[in-house]
Structure formats: structure tokens, C-alpha cells
PDB file of all heavy atoms in Angstrom:
ATOM      1  N   VAL A   1      64.535  78.812 -16.114  1.00  0.00           N
ATOM      2  CA  VAL A   1      64.457  78.120 -17.407  1.00  0.00           C
ATOM      3  C   VAL A   1      63.010  77.986 -17.877  1.00  0.00           C
ATOM      4  O   VAL A   1      62.706  78.146 -19.062  1.00  0.00           O
ATOM      5  CB  VAL A   1      65.124  76.730 -17.311  1.00  0.00           C
ATOM      6  CG1 VAL A   1      64.867  75.909 -18.584  1.00  0.00           C
ATOM      7  CG2 VAL A   1      66.626  76.878 -17.067  1.00  0.00           C
ATOM      8  N   LEU A   2      62.105  77.713 -16.936  1.00  0.00           N
ATOM      9  CA  LEU A   2      60.700  77.456 -17.284  1.00  0.00           C
ATOM     10  C   LEU A   2      59.797  78.653 -17.008  1.00  0.00           C
ATOM     11  O   LEU A   2      58.567  78.495 -16.934  1.00  0.00           O
ATOM     12  CB  LEU A   2      60.196  76.238 -16.506  1.00  0.00           C
ATOM     13  CG  LEU A   2      60.926  74.918 -16.761  1.00  0.00           C
ATOM     14  CD1 LEU A   2      60.390  73.828 -15.840  1.00  0.00           C
ATOM     15  CD2 LEU A   2      60.771  74.497 -18.220  1.00  0.00           C
ATOM     16  N   ASP A   3      60.369  79.820 -16.886  1.00  0.00           N
ATOM     17  CA  ASP A   3      59.606  81.001 -16.472  1.00  0.00           C
ATOM     18  C   ASP A   3      58.404  81.276 -17.373  1.00  0.00           C
ATOM     19  O   ASP A   3      57.304  81.569 -16.889  1.00  0.00           O
ATOM     20  CB  ASP A   3      60.527  82.226 -16.438  1.00  0.00           C
ATOM     21  CG  ASP A   3      59.832  83.461 -15.883  1.00  0.00           C
ATOM     22  OD1 ASP A   3      59.293  83.376 -14.766  1.00  0.00           O
ATOM     23  OD2 ASP A   3      59.826  84.502 -16.567  1.00  0.00           O
ATOM     24  N   ASP A   4      58.590  81.197 -18.672  1.00  0.00           N
ATOM     25  CA  ASP A   4      57.485  81.491 -19.600  1.00  0.00           C
ATOM     26  C   ASP A   4      56.330  80.514 -19.406  1.00  0.00           C
ATOM     27  O   ASP A   4      55.156  80.907 -19.437  1.00  0.00           O
ATOM     28  CB  ASP A   4      57.978  81.432 -21.049  1.00  0.00           C
ATOM     29  CG  ASP A   4      58.956  82.554 -21.374  1.00  0.00           C
ATOM     30  OD1 ASP A   4      58.920  83.580 -20.666  1.00  0.00           O
ATOM     31  OD2 ASP A   4      59.751  82.401 -22.312  1.00  0.00           O
ATOM     32  N   ASP A   5      56.658  79.243 -19.202  1.00  0.00           N
ATOM     33  CA  ASP A   5      55.625  78.229 -18.974  1.00  0.00           C
ATOM     34  C   ASP A   5      54.930  78.451 -17.632  1.00  0.00           C
ATOM     35  O   ASP A   5      53.707  78.351 -17.525  1.00  0.00           O
ATOM     36  CB  ASP A   5      56.258  76.839 -19.032  1.00  0.00           C
ATOM     37  CG  ASP A   5      55.361  75.818 -19.731  1.00  0.00           C
ATOM     38  OD1 ASP A   5      54.433  76.226 -20.459  1.00  0.00           O
ATOM     39  OD2 ASP A   5      55.604  74.607 -19.561  1.00  0.00           O
ATOM     40  N   TYR A   6      55.710  78.744 -16.597  1.00  0.00           N
ATOM     41  CA  TYR A   6      55.145  78.982 -15.272  1.00  0.00           C
ATOM     42  C   TYR A   6      54.190  80.180 -15.268  1.00  0.00           C
ATOM     43  O   TYR A   6      53.169  80.177 -14.570  1.00  0.00           O
ATOM     44  CB  TYR A   6      56.263  79.214 -14.250  1.00  0.00           C
ATOM     45  CG  TYR A   6      56.937  77.953 -13.755  1.00  0.00           C
ATOM     46  CD1 TYR A   6      58.190  78.002 -13.145  1.00  0.00           C
ATOM     47  CD2 TYR A   6      56.330  76.711 -13.859  1.00  0.00           C
ATOM     48  CE1 TYR A   6      58.815  76.860 -12.675  1.00  0.00           C
ATOM     49  CE2 TYR A   6      56.944  75.561 -13.394  1.00  0.00           C
ATOM     50  CZ  TYR A   6      58.187  75.644 -12.798  1.00  0.00           C
ATOM     51  OH  TYR A   6      58.788  74.504 -12.330  1.00  0.00           O
ATOM     52  N   LYS A   7      54.520  81.202 -16.021  1.00  0.00           N
ATOM     53  CA  LYS A   7      53.670  82.396 -16.062  1.00  0.00           C
ATOM     54  C   LYS A   7      52.286  82.092 -16.605  1.00  0.00           C
ATOM     55  O   LYS A   7      51.304  82.741 -16.222  1.00  0.00           O
ATOM     56  CB  LYS A   7      54.337  83.482 -16.907  1.00  0.00           C
ATOM     57  CG  LYS A   7      55.475  84.209 -16.197  1.00  0.00           C
ATOM     58  CD  LYS A   7      56.121  85.247 -17.096  1.00  0.00           C
ATOM     59  CE  LYS A   7      57.227  85.997 -16.352  1.00  0.00           C
ATOM     60  NZ  LYS A   7      57.934  86.945 -17.235  1.00  0.00           N
ATOM     61  N   LYS A   8      52.179  81.110 -17.501  1.00  0.00           N
ATOM     62  CA  LYS A   8      50.878  80.733 -18.059  1.00  0.00           C
ATOM     63  C   LYS A   8      49.929  80.252 -16.965  1.00  0.00           C
ATOM     64  O   LYS A   8      48.714  80.414 -17.062  1.00  0.00           O
ATOM     65  CB  LYS A   8      51.055  79.631 -19.112  1.00  0.00           C
ATOM     66  CG  LYS A   8      51.828  80.055 -20.346  1.00  0.00           C
ATOM     67  CD  LYS A   8      52.054  78.862 -21.266  1.00  0.00           C
ATOM     68  CE  LYS A   8      52.937  79.231 -22.451  1.00  0.00           C
ATOM     69  NZ  LYS A   8      53.235  78.041 -23.298  1.00  0.00           N
ATOM     70  N   ALA A   9      50.498  79.619 -15.926  1.00  0.00           N
ATOM     71  CA  ALA A   9      49.694  79.108 -14.813  1.00  0.00           C
ATOM     72  C   ALA A   9      49.669  80.073 -13.626  1.00  0.00           C
ATOM     73  O   ALA A   9      49.053  79.786 -12.603  1.00  0.00           O
ATOM     74  CB  ALA A   9      50.221  77.758 -14.369  1.00  0.00           C
ATOM     75  N   GLY A  10      50.366  81.191 -13.753  1.00  0.00           N
ATOM     76  CA  GLY A  10      50.384  82.174 -12.673  1.00  0.00           C
ATOM     77  C   GLY A  10      51.303  81.828 -11.523  1.00  0.00           C
ATOM     78  O   GLY A  10      51.154  82.361 -10.417  1.00  0.00           O
ATOM     79  N   PHE A  11      52.291  80.952 -11.767  1.00  0.00           N
ATOM     80  CA  PHE A  11      53.214  80.566 -10.702  1.00  0.00           C
ATOM     81  C   PHE A  11      54.239  81.676 -10.458  1.00  0.00           C
ATOM     82  O   PHE A  11      54.803  82.229 -11.400  1.00  0.00           O
ATOM     83  CB  PHE A  11      53.943  79.274 -11.064  1.00  0.00           C
ATOM     84  CG  PHE A  11      53.074  78.057 -11.058  1.00  0.00           C
ATOM     85  CD1 PHE A  11      53.452  76.914 -11.745  1.00  0.00           C
ATOM     86  CD2 PHE A  11      51.875  78.031 -10.365  1.00  0.00           C
ATOM     87  CE1 PHE A  11      52.656  75.777 -11.745  1.00  0.00           C
ATOM     88  CE2 PHE A  11      51.065  76.898 -10.363  1.00  0.00           C
ATOM     89  CZ  PHE A  11      51.460  75.775 -11.054  1.00  0.00           C
ATOM     90  N   LYS A  12      54.464  81.957  -9.178  1.00  0.00           N
ATOM     91  CA  LYS A  12      55.415  83.000  -8.775  1.00  0.00           C
ATOM     92  C   LYS A  12      56.579  82.334  -8.050  1.00  0.00           C
ATOM     93  O   LYS A  12      56.604  82.253  -6.824  1.00  0.00           O
ATOM     94  CB  LYS A  12      54.720  84.020  -7.886  1.00  0.00           C
ATOM     95  CG  LYS A  12      53.542  84.713  -8.571  1.00  0.00           C
ATOM     96  CD  LYS A  12      52.781  85.625  -7.633  1.00  0.00           C
ATOM     97  CE  LYS A  12      51.598  86.269  -8.347  1.00  0.00           C
ATOM     98  NZ  LYS A  12      50.813  87.140  -7.437  1.00  0.00           N
ATOM     99  N   MET A  13      57.561  81.887  -8.818  1.00  0.00           N
ATOM    100  CA  MET A  13      58.635  81.067  -8.270  1.00  0.00           C
ATOM    101  C   MET A  13      59.939  81.840  -8.056  1.00  0.00           C
ATOM    102  O   MET A  13      60.713  81.517  -7.159  1.00  0.00           O
ATOM    103  CB  MET A  13      58.902  79.884  -9.196  1.00  0.00           C
ATOM    104  CG  MET A  13      57.681  79.029  -9.499  1.00  0.00           C
ATOM    105  SD  MET A  13      57.123  78.070  -8.093  1.00  0.00           S
ATOM    106  CE  MET A  13      58.370  76.790  -8.055  1.00  0.00           C
ATOM    107  N   LEU A  14      60.211  82.818  -8.910  1.00  0.00           N
ATOM    108  CA  LEU A  14      61.479  83.546  -8.806  1.00  0.00           C
ATOM    109  C   LEU A  14      61.409  84.569  -7.675  1.00  0.00           C
ATOM    110  O   LEU A  14      60.356  85.171  -7.435  1.00  0.00           O
ATOM    111  CB  LEU A  14      61.822  84.223 -10.140  1.00  0.00           C
ATOM    112  CG  LEU A  14      62.178  83.244 -11.267  1.00  0.00           C
ATOM    113  CD1 LEU A  14      62.281  83.964 -12.599  1.00  0.00           C
ATOM    114  CD2 LEU A  14      63.484  82.520 -10.956  1.00  0.00           C
ATOM    115  N   PRO A  15      62.532  84.815  -6.983  1.00  0.00           N
ATOM    116  CA  PRO A  15      62.486  85.562  -5.724  1.00  0.00           C
ATOM    117  C   PRO A  15      62.303  87.064  -5.847  1.00  0.00           C
ATOM    118  O   PRO A  15      61.774  87.697  -4.946  1.00  0.00           O
ATOM    119  CB  PRO A  15      63.850  85.253  -5.096  1.00  0.00           C
ATOM    120  CG  PRO A  15      64.751  85.001  -6.260  1.00  0.00           C
ATOM    121  CD  PRO A  15      63.878  84.302  -7.269  1.00  0.00           C
ATOM    122  N   MET A  16      62.773  87.661  -6.957  1.00  0.00           N
ATOM    123  CA  MET A  16      62.789  89.112  -7.058  1.00  0.00           C
ATOM    124  C   MET A  16      61.766  89.599  -8.083  1.00  0.00           C
ATOM    125  O   MET A  16      61.451  88.915  -9.041  1.00  0.00           O
ATOM    126  CB  MET A  16      64.179  89.609  -7.458  1.00  0.00           C
ATOM    127  CG  MET A  16      65.297  89.106  -6.548  1.00  0.00           C
ATOM    128  SD  MET A  16      65.069  89.496  -4.789  1.00  0.00           S
ATOM    129  CE  MET A  16      65.183  91.283  -4.830  1.00  0.00           C
ATOM    130  N   ALA A  17      61.278  90.811  -7.890  1.00  0.00           N
ATOM    131  CA  ALA A  17      60.360  91.418  -8.853  1.00  0.00           C
ATOM    132  C   ALA A  17      61.059  91.531 -10.209  1.00  0.00           C
ATOM    133  O   ALA A  17      62.212  91.939 -10.288  1.00  0.00           O
ATOM    134  CB  ALA A  17      59.933  92.801  -8.365  1.00  0.00           C
ATOM    135  N   GLY A  18      60.349  91.189 -11.246  1.00  0.00           N
ATOM    136  CA  GLY A  18      60.967  91.222 -12.573  1.00  0.00           C
ATOM    137  C   GLY A  18      61.534  89.891 -12.982  1.00  0.00           C
ATOM    138  O   GLY A  18      61.818  89.662 -14.147  1.00  0.00           O
ATOM    139  N   GLY A  19      61.709  88.982 -11.998  1.00  0.00           N
ATOM    140  CA  GLY A  19      62.092  87.618 -12.323  1.00  0.00           C
ATOM    141  C   GLY A  19      63.514  87.429 -12.766  1.00  0.00           C
ATOM    142  O   GLY A  19      64.446  87.419 -11.946  1.00  0.00           O
ATOM    143  N   LYS A  20      63.729  87.298 -14.058  1.00  0.00           N
ATOM    144  CA  LYS A  20      65.037  86.905 -14.601  1.00  0.00           C
ATOM    145  C   LYS A  20      65.951  88.121 -14.711  1.00  0.00           C
ATOM    146  O   LYS A  20      66.116  88.700 -15.784  1.00  0.00           O
ATOM    147  CB  LYS A  20      64.845  86.227 -15.963  1.00  0.00           C
ATOM    148  CG  LYS A  20      64.026  84.954 -15.885  1.00  0.00           C
ATOM    149  CD  LYS A  20      63.864  84.278 -17.234  1.00  0.00           C
ATOM    150  CE  LYS A  20      62.929  85.038 -18.145  1.00  0.00           C
ATOM    151  NZ  LYS A  20      62.667  84.315 -19.405  1.00  0.00           N
ATOM    152  N   ASN A  21      66.549  88.496 -13.601  1.00  0.00           N
ATOM    153  CA  ASN A  21      67.411  89.683 -13.578  1.00  0.00           C
ATOM    154  C   ASN A  21      68.601  89.463 -12.644  1.00  0.00           C
ATOM    155  O   ASN A  21      68.744  88.408 -12.025  1.00  0.00           O
ATOM    156  CB  ASN A  21      66.604  90.922 -13.149  1.00  0.00           C
ATOM    157  CG  ASN A  21      65.907  90.720 -11.814  1.00  0.00           C
ATOM    158  OD1 ASN A  21      66.403  90.025 -10.928  1.00  0.00           O
ATOM    159  ND2 ASN A  21      64.729  91.306 -11.660  1.00  0.00           N
ATOM    160  N   LEU A  22      69.442  90.474 -12.536  1.00  0.00           N
ATOM    161  CA  LEU A  22      70.665  90.379 -11.732  1.00  0.00           C
ATOM    162  C   LEU A  22      70.357  90.135 -10.261  1.00  0.00           C
ATOM    163  O   LEU A  22      71.072  89.394  -9.583  1.00  0.00           O
ATOM    164  CB  LEU A  22      71.499  91.648 -11.909  1.00  0.00           C
ATOM    165  CG  LEU A  22      72.809  91.717 -11.100  1.00  0.00           C
ATOM    166  CD1 LEU A  22      73.730  90.555 -11.465  1.00  0.00           C
ATOM    167  CD2 LEU A  22      73.507  93.058 -11.321  1.00  0.00           C
ATOM    168  N   LYS A  23      69.288  90.755  -9.744  1.00  0.00           N
ATOM    169  CA  LYS A  23      68.948  90.576  -8.333  1.00  0.00           C
ATOM    170  C   LYS A  23      68.633  89.108  -8.021  1.00  0.00           C
ATOM    171  O   LYS A  23      69.050  88.582  -6.988  1.00  0.00           O
ATOM    172  CB  LYS A  23      67.757  91.462  -7.965  1.00  0.00           C
ATOM    173  CG  LYS A  23      68.078  92.955  -7.938  1.00  0.00           C
ATOM    174  CD  LYS A  23      66.870  93.779  -7.530  1.00  0.00           C
ATOM    175  CE  LYS A  23      67.202  95.260  -7.487  1.00  0.00           C
ATOM    176  NZ  LYS A  23      66.023  96.079  -7.111  1.00  0.00           N
ATOM    177  N   THR A  24      67.909  88.462  -8.919  1.00  0.00           N
ATOM    178  CA  THR A  24      67.628  87.041  -8.740  1.00  0.00           C
ATOM    179  C   THR A  24      68.906  86.227  -8.827  1.00  0.00           C
ATOM    180  O   THR A  24      69.133  85.297  -8.040  1.00  0.00           O
ATOM    181  CB  THR A  24      66.621  86.562  -9.803  1.00  0.00           C
ATOM    182  OG1 THR A  24      65.357  87.168  -9.533  1.00  0.00           O
ATOM    183  CG2 THR A  24      66.458  85.043  -9.771  1.00  0.00           C
ATOM    184  N   ALA A  25      69.764  86.568  -9.790  1.00  0.00           N
ATOM    185  CA  ALA A  25      71.041  85.859  -9.958  1.00  0.00           C
ATOM    186  C   ALA A  25      71.900  85.984  -8.697  1.00  0.00           C
ATOM    187  O   ALA A  25      72.574  85.025  -8.300  1.00  0.00           O
ATOM    188  CB  ALA A  25      71.790  86.402 -11.169  1.00  0.00           C
ATOM    189  N   ILE A  26      71.883  87.147  -8.065  1.00  0.00           N
ATOM    190  CA  ILE A  26      72.659  87.353  -6.830  1.00  0.00           C
ATOM    191  C   ILE A  26      72.095  86.483  -5.704  1.00  0.00           C
ATOM    192  O   ILE A  26      72.849  85.898  -4.915  1.00  0.00           O
ATOM    193  CB  ILE A  26      72.657  88.843  -6.429  1.00  0.00           C
ATOM    194  CG1 ILE A  26      73.486  89.655  -7.434  1.00  0.00           C
ATOM    195  CG2 ILE A  26      73.213  89.029  -5.018  1.00  0.00           C
ATOM    196  CD1 ILE A  26      73.416  91.152  -7.234  1.00  0.00           C
ATOM    197  N   GLN A  27      70.756  86.401  -5.621  1.00  0.00           N
ATOM    198  CA  GLN A  27      70.138  85.517  -4.624  1.00  0.00           C
ATOM    199  C   GLN A  27      70.593  84.066  -4.817  1.00  0.00           C
ATOM    200  O   GLN A  27      70.930  83.375  -3.851  1.00  0.00           O
ATOM    201  CB  GLN A  27      68.614  85.599  -4.754  1.00  0.00           C
ATOM    202  CG  GLN A  27      68.011  86.904  -4.299  1.00  0.00           C
ATOM    203  CD  GLN A  27      67.856  86.966  -2.793  1.00  0.00           C
ATOM    204  OE1 GLN A  27      67.489  85.985  -2.151  1.00  0.00           O
ATOM    205  NE2 GLN A  27      68.150  88.110  -2.216  1.00  0.00           N
ATOM    206  N   ILE A  28      70.613  83.621  -6.058  1.00  0.00           N
ATOM    207  CA  ILE A  28      71.065  82.261  -6.362  1.00  0.00           C
ATOM    208  C   ILE A  28      72.520  82.068  -5.938  1.00  0.00           C
ATOM    209  O   ILE A  28      72.888  81.048  -5.359  1.00  0.00           O
ATOM    210  CB  ILE A  28      70.879  81.961  -7.868  1.00  0.00           C
ATOM    211  CG1 ILE A  28      69.389  81.898  -8.210  1.00  0.00           C
ATOM    212  CG2 ILE A  28      71.574  80.654  -8.253  1.00  0.00           C
ATOM    213  CD1 ILE A  28      69.096  81.778  -9.690  1.00  0.00           C
ATOM    214  N   MET A  29      73.346  83.068  -6.203  1.00  0.00           N
ATOM    215  CA  MET A  29      74.767  82.993  -5.839  1.00  0.00           C
ATOM    216  C   MET A  29      74.947  82.900  -4.324  1.00  0.00           C
ATOM    217  O   MET A  29      75.753  82.111  -3.829  1.00  0.00           O
ATOM    218  CB  MET A  29      75.504  84.224  -6.378  1.00  0.00           C
ATOM    219  CG  MET A  29      77.000  84.238  -6.095  1.00  0.00           C
ATOM    220  SD  MET A  29      77.452  84.921  -4.456  1.00  0.00           S
ATOM    221  CE  MET A  29      76.962  86.640  -4.656  1.00  0.00           C
ATOM    222  N   ILE A  30      74.188  83.685  -3.569  1.00  0.00           N
ATOM    223  CA  ILE A  30      74.339  83.721  -2.113  1.00  0.00           C
ATOM    224  C   ILE A  30      74.034  82.352  -1.500  1.00  0.00           C
ATOM    225  O   ILE A  30      74.786  81.839  -0.659  1.00  0.00           O
ATOM    226  CB  ILE A  30      73.428  84.805  -1.498  1.00  0.00           C
ATOM    227  CG1 ILE A  30      73.953  86.206  -1.870  1.00  0.00           C
ATOM    228  CG2 ILE A  30      73.352  84.652   0.024  1.00  0.00           C
ATOM    229  CD1 ILE A  30      73.014  87.329  -1.492  1.00  0.00           C
ATOM    230  N   TYR A  31      72.945  81.746  -1.929  1.00  0.00           N
ATOM    231  CA  TYR A  31      72.576  80.443  -1.366  1.00  0.00           C
ATOM    232  C   TYR A  31      73.557  79.356  -1.797  1.00  0.00           C
ATOM    233  O   TYR A  31      73.848  78.433  -1.029  1.00  0.00           O
ATOM    234  CB  TYR A  31      71.147  80.072  -1.776  1.00  0.00           C
ATOM    235  CG  TYR A  31      70.098  80.765  -0.942  1.00  0.00           C
ATOM    236  CD1 TYR A  31      69.568  81.993  -1.325  1.00  0.00           C
ATOM    237  CD2 TYR A  31      69.651  80.204   0.251  1.00  0.00           C
ATOM    238  CE1 TYR A  31      68.616  82.641  -0.557  1.00  0.00           C
ATOM    239  CE2 TYR A  31      68.702  80.845   1.030  1.00  0.00           C
ATOM    240  CZ  TYR A  31      68.188  82.065   0.627  1.00  0.00           C
ATOM    241  OH  TYR A  31      67.254  82.703   1.402  1.00  0.00           O
ATOM    242  N   THR A  32      74.078  79.465  -3.012  1.00  0.00           N
ATOM    243  CA  THR A  32      75.087  78.499  -3.465  1.00  0.00           C
ATOM    244  C   THR A  32      76.368  78.654  -2.655  1.00  0.00           C
ATOM    245  O   THR A  32      77.013  77.663  -2.294  1.00  0.00           O
ATOM    246  CB  THR A  32      75.378  78.698  -4.964  1.00  0.00           C
ATOM    247  OG1 THR A  32      74.144  78.655  -5.689  1.00  0.00           O
ATOM    248  CG2 THR A  32      76.292  77.598  -5.490  1.00  0.00           C
ATOM    249  N   LEU A  33      76.736  79.885  -2.340  1.00  0.00           N
ATOM    250  CA  LEU A  33      77.920  80.152  -1.528  1.00  0.00           C
ATOM    251  C   LEU A  33      77.799  79.503  -0.148  1.00  0.00           C
ATOM    252  O   LEU A  33      78.787  78.980   0.388  1.00  0.00           O
ATOM    253  CB  LEU A  33      78.110  81.665  -1.386  1.00  0.00           C
ATOM    254  CG  LEU A  33      79.278  82.155  -0.523  1.00  0.00           C
ATOM    255  CD1 LEU A  33      80.610  81.703  -1.112  1.00  0.00           C
ATOM    256  CD2 LEU A  33      79.245  83.678  -0.389  1.00  0.00           C
ATOM    257  N   LEU A  34      76.610  79.513   0.418  1.00  0.00           N
ATOM    258  CA  LEU A  34      76.394  78.934   1.744  1.00  0.00           C
ATOM    259  C   LEU A  34      76.667  77.429   1.784  1.00  0.00           C
ATOM    260  O   LEU A  34      76.972  76.878   2.842  1.00  0.00           O
ATOM    261  CB  LEU A  34      74.963  79.200   2.210  1.00  0.00           C
ATOM    262  CG  LEU A  34      74.608  80.648   2.550  1.00  0.00           C
ATOM    263  CD1 LEU A  34      73.123  80.778   2.839  1.00  0.00           C
ATOM    264  CD2 LEU A  34      75.430  81.147   3.730  1.00  0.00           C
ATOM    265  N   LEU A  35      76.563  76.781   0.630  1.00  0.00           N
ATOM    266  CA  LEU A  35      76.793  75.339   0.587  1.00  0.00           C
ATOM    267  C   LEU A  35      78.245  74.967   0.910  1.00  0.00           C
ATOM    268  O   LEU A  35      78.522  73.864   1.375  1.00  0.00           O
ATOM    269  CB  LEU A  35      76.428  74.784  -0.798  1.00  0.00           C
ATOM    270  CG  LEU A  35      74.935  74.702  -1.118  1.00  0.00           C
ATOM    271  CD1 LEU A  35      74.717  74.324  -2.579  1.00  0.00           C
ATOM    272  CD2 LEU A  35      74.230  73.706  -0.196  1.00  0.00           C
ATOM    273  N   ILE A  36      79.171  75.896   0.662  1.00  0.00           N
ATOM    274  CA  ILE A  36      80.589  75.591   0.890  1.00  0.00           C
ATOM    275  C   ILE A  36      80.886  75.362   2.374  1.00  0.00           C
ATOM    276  O   ILE A  36      81.410  74.306   2.749  1.00  0.00           O
ATOM    277  CB  ILE A  36      81.498  76.668   0.269  1.00  0.00           C
ATOM    278  CG1 ILE A  36      81.289  76.689  -1.256  1.00  0.00           C
ATOM    279  CG2 ILE A  36      82.968  76.404   0.617  1.00  0.00           C
ATOM    280  CD1 ILE A  36      82.035  77.806  -1.971  1.00  0.00           C
ATOM    281  N   PRO A  37      80.553  76.311   3.263  1.00  0.00           N
ATOM    282  CA  PRO A  37      80.797  76.016   4.694  1.00  0.00           C
ATOM    283  C   PRO A  37      79.916  74.888   5.226  1.00  0.00           C
ATOM    284  O   PRO A  37      80.344  74.119   6.088  1.00  0.00           O
ATOM    285  CB  PRO A  37      80.476  77.350   5.393  1.00  0.00           C
ATOM    286  CG  PRO A  37      79.630  78.113   4.430  1.00  0.00           C
ATOM    287  CD  PRO A  37      80.091  77.706   3.069  1.00  0.00           C
ATOM    288  N   LEU A  38      78.695  74.773   4.710  1.00  0.00           N
ATOM    289  CA  LEU A  38      77.827  73.691   5.167  1.00  0.00           C
ATOM    290  C   LEU A  38      78.421  72.323   4.838  1.00  0.00           C
ATOM    291  O   LEU A  38      78.274  71.366   5.606  1.00  0.00           O
ATOM    292  CB  LEU A  38      76.443  73.817   4.519  1.00  0.00           C
ATOM    293  CG  LEU A  38      75.501  74.870   5.101  1.00  0.00           C
ATOM    294  CD1 LEU A  38      74.253  75.016   4.231  1.00  0.00           C
ATOM    295  CD2 LEU A  38      75.106  74.524   6.524  1.00  0.00           C
ATOM    296  N   GLY A  39      79.110  72.227   3.707  1.00  0.00           N
ATOM    297  CA  GLY A  39      79.723  70.973   3.297  1.00  0.00           C
ATOM    298  C   GLY A  39      80.846  70.516   4.213  1.00  0.00           C
ATOM    299  O   GLY A  39      81.255  69.346   4.174  1.00  0.00           O
TER     300      GLY A  39
END
């Protein structure tokens, strides 16, 4: 959500090259999926 603002300060927060893409979305999905058995 804050990617444009973060880039102004040089922050590298998103996990995949290119940032806001399907690969990052898949990473988010995988970690969210792990919450189900952990719960």
C-alpha cells in the first residue's frame, strides 16, 4: 500500500524483485496459509 512512499526513502520491504507483482502476492498467500495449522 505504501510502496511509493517507501521508495522515496529507499526502503526495500517487499520480498520479490519488482515489488507489487504476482510473486509477492504468492509469498503473502503462503505465509497466511501457514496461520491455519498454527492456529
